């Protein structure tokens, strides 16, 4: 029983480390490739869930208008960090690398 707990704890620790490394890589990349939209808060936002929506950016007060929030997420998609997926009238921006880490 204790071995199972230890194994689970190690796996969780490794997954958290991998997520933090991925997020740090994104911070550096956005800072370098899209400095006008860079904010640590924006990167952290797209790591809270494996997807983001314009409303999430607005609700977090990272952008004051829907148009600016959309621009920020589109900028992350332009450099290949997020993948936009249209579902009806809503666009979801998927964080595929995070999703792989969470499900892998």
Protein backbone atom coordinates (compact mmCIF):
# COMPACT_ATOMS: atom_id res chain seq x y z
CA UNK A 1 0.00 0.00 0.00
CA UNK A 2 2.77 2.45 0.91
CA UNK A 3 4.59 1.67 -2.32
CA UNK A 4 1.47 2.62 -4.30
CA UNK A 5 1.23 5.92 -2.40
CA UNK A 6 4.94 6.58 -3.02
CA UNK A 7 4.60 5.81 -6.74
CA UNK A 8 1.56 8.06 -7.07
CA UNK A 9 3.35 10.87 -5.22
CA UNK A 10 6.41 10.58 -7.47
CA UNK A 11 4.25 10.57 -10.61
CA UNK A 12 2.37 13.64 -9.41
CA UNK A 13 5.61 15.43 -8.54
CA UNK A 14 7.01 14.66 -12.01
CA UNK A 15 3.84 15.87 -13.71
CA UNK A 16 3.88 19.13 -11.74
CA UNK A 17 7.55 19.65 -12.62
CA UNK A 18 6.82 19.04 -16.31
CA UNK A 19 3.90 21.50 -16.27
CA UNK A 20 6.03 24.17 -14.59
CA UNK A 21 8.81 23.65 -17.13
CA UNK A 22 6.33 23.93 -19.99
CA UNK A 23 4.86 27.10 -18.52
CA UNK A 24 8.34 28.62 -18.07
CA UNK A 25 9.12 27.79 -21.70
CA UNK A 26 5.91 29.52 -22.79
CA UNK A 27 6.75 32.60 -20.72
CA UNK A 28 10.13 32.90 -22.45
CA UNK A 29 8.65 32.26 -25.89
CA UNK A 30 5.79 34.74 -25.57
CA UNK A 31 8.16 37.33 -24.11
CA UNK A 32 10.49 36.83 -27.09
CA UNK A 33 7.98 36.37 -29.95
CA UNK A 34 4.97 38.44 -28.84
CA UNK A 35 6.30 41.02 -26.36
CA UNK A 36 3.33 43.37 -26.92
CA UNK A 37 0.86 40.79 -25.60
CA UNK A 38 3.13 39.19 -23.01
CA UNK A 39 2.06 39.07 -19.41
CA UNK A 40 2.79 36.38 -16.87
CA UNK A 41 -0.91 36.47 -15.94
CA UNK A 42 -1.93 35.58 -19.50
CA UNK A 43 0.38 32.57 -19.59
CA UNK A 44 -0.80 31.45 -16.16
CA UNK A 45 -4.40 31.80 -17.32
CA UNK A 46 -3.94 29.40 -20.24
CA UNK A 47 -2.46 26.87 -17.81
CA UNK A 48 -5.41 26.88 -15.41
CA UNK A 49 -7.38 24.72 -17.85
CA UNK A 50 -6.34 22.84 -20.97
CA UNK A 51 -8.43 25.39 -22.91
CA UNK A 52 -9.12 29.10 -22.75
CA UNK A 53 -11.91 31.33 -23.96
CA UNK A 54 -12.08 35.05 -24.59
CA UNK A 55 -14.34 35.41 -21.57
CA UNK A 56 -11.63 33.90 -19.32
CA UNK A 57 -9.21 36.66 -20.35
CA UNK A 58 -11.86 39.32 -19.78
CA UNK A 59 -12.92 37.89 -16.41
CA UNK A 60 -9.28 37.82 -15.25
CA UNK A 61 -9.05 41.51 -16.22
CA UNK A 62 -6.04 40.83 -18.42
CA UNK A 63 -7.86 42.63 -21.23
CA UNK A 64 -10.50 45.31 -20.89
CA UNK A 65 -12.37 44.52 -24.10
CA UNK A 66 -13.48 41.39 -25.87
CA UNK A 67 -11.54 42.46 -28.95
CA UNK A 68 -8.28 42.79 -26.98
CA UNK A 69 -8.84 39.46 -25.23
CA UNK A 70 -9.38 37.82 -28.62
CA UNK A 71 -6.22 39.47 -29.94
CA UNK A 72 -4.17 38.07 -27.04
CA UNK A 73 -5.38 34.51 -27.56
CA UNK A 74 -4.98 34.77 -31.34
CA UNK A 75 -1.39 35.96 -30.81
CA UNK A 76 -0.63 32.82 -28.79
CA UNK A 77 -2.22 30.74 -31.55
CA UNK A 78 -0.12 32.52 -34.21
CA UNK A 79 3.08 31.28 -32.60
CA UNK A 80 1.70 27.76 -32.23
CA UNK A 81 1.10 27.71 -28.49
CA UNK A 82 -2.69 27.45 -28.61
CA UNK A 83 -4.94 25.81 -31.18
CA UNK A 84 -8.22 27.58 -31.89
CA UNK A 85 -11.25 25.33 -32.27
CA UNK A 86 -14.61 26.76 -33.26
CA UNK A 87 -17.69 25.25 -31.61
CA UNK A 88 -20.85 27.01 -32.69
CA UNK A 89 -20.40 30.70 -31.95
CA UNK A 90 -17.63 30.12 -29.41
CA UNK A 91 -13.93 29.69 -30.09
CA UNK A 92 -11.93 27.59 -27.66
CA UNK A 93 -8.16 27.89 -27.58
CA UNK A 94 -6.72 24.49 -26.73
CA UNK A 95 -3.46 24.08 -24.87
CA UNK A 96 -2.56 20.72 -26.43
CA UNK A 97 0.81 20.29 -24.67
CA UNK A 98 -0.85 20.80 -21.27
CA UNK A 99 -3.65 18.42 -22.19
CA UNK A 100 -1.07 15.76 -23.12
CA UNK A 101 0.72 16.22 -19.80
CA UNK A 102 -2.53 15.95 -17.86
CA UNK A 103 -3.72 12.83 -19.65
CA UNK A 104 -0.35 11.13 -20.23
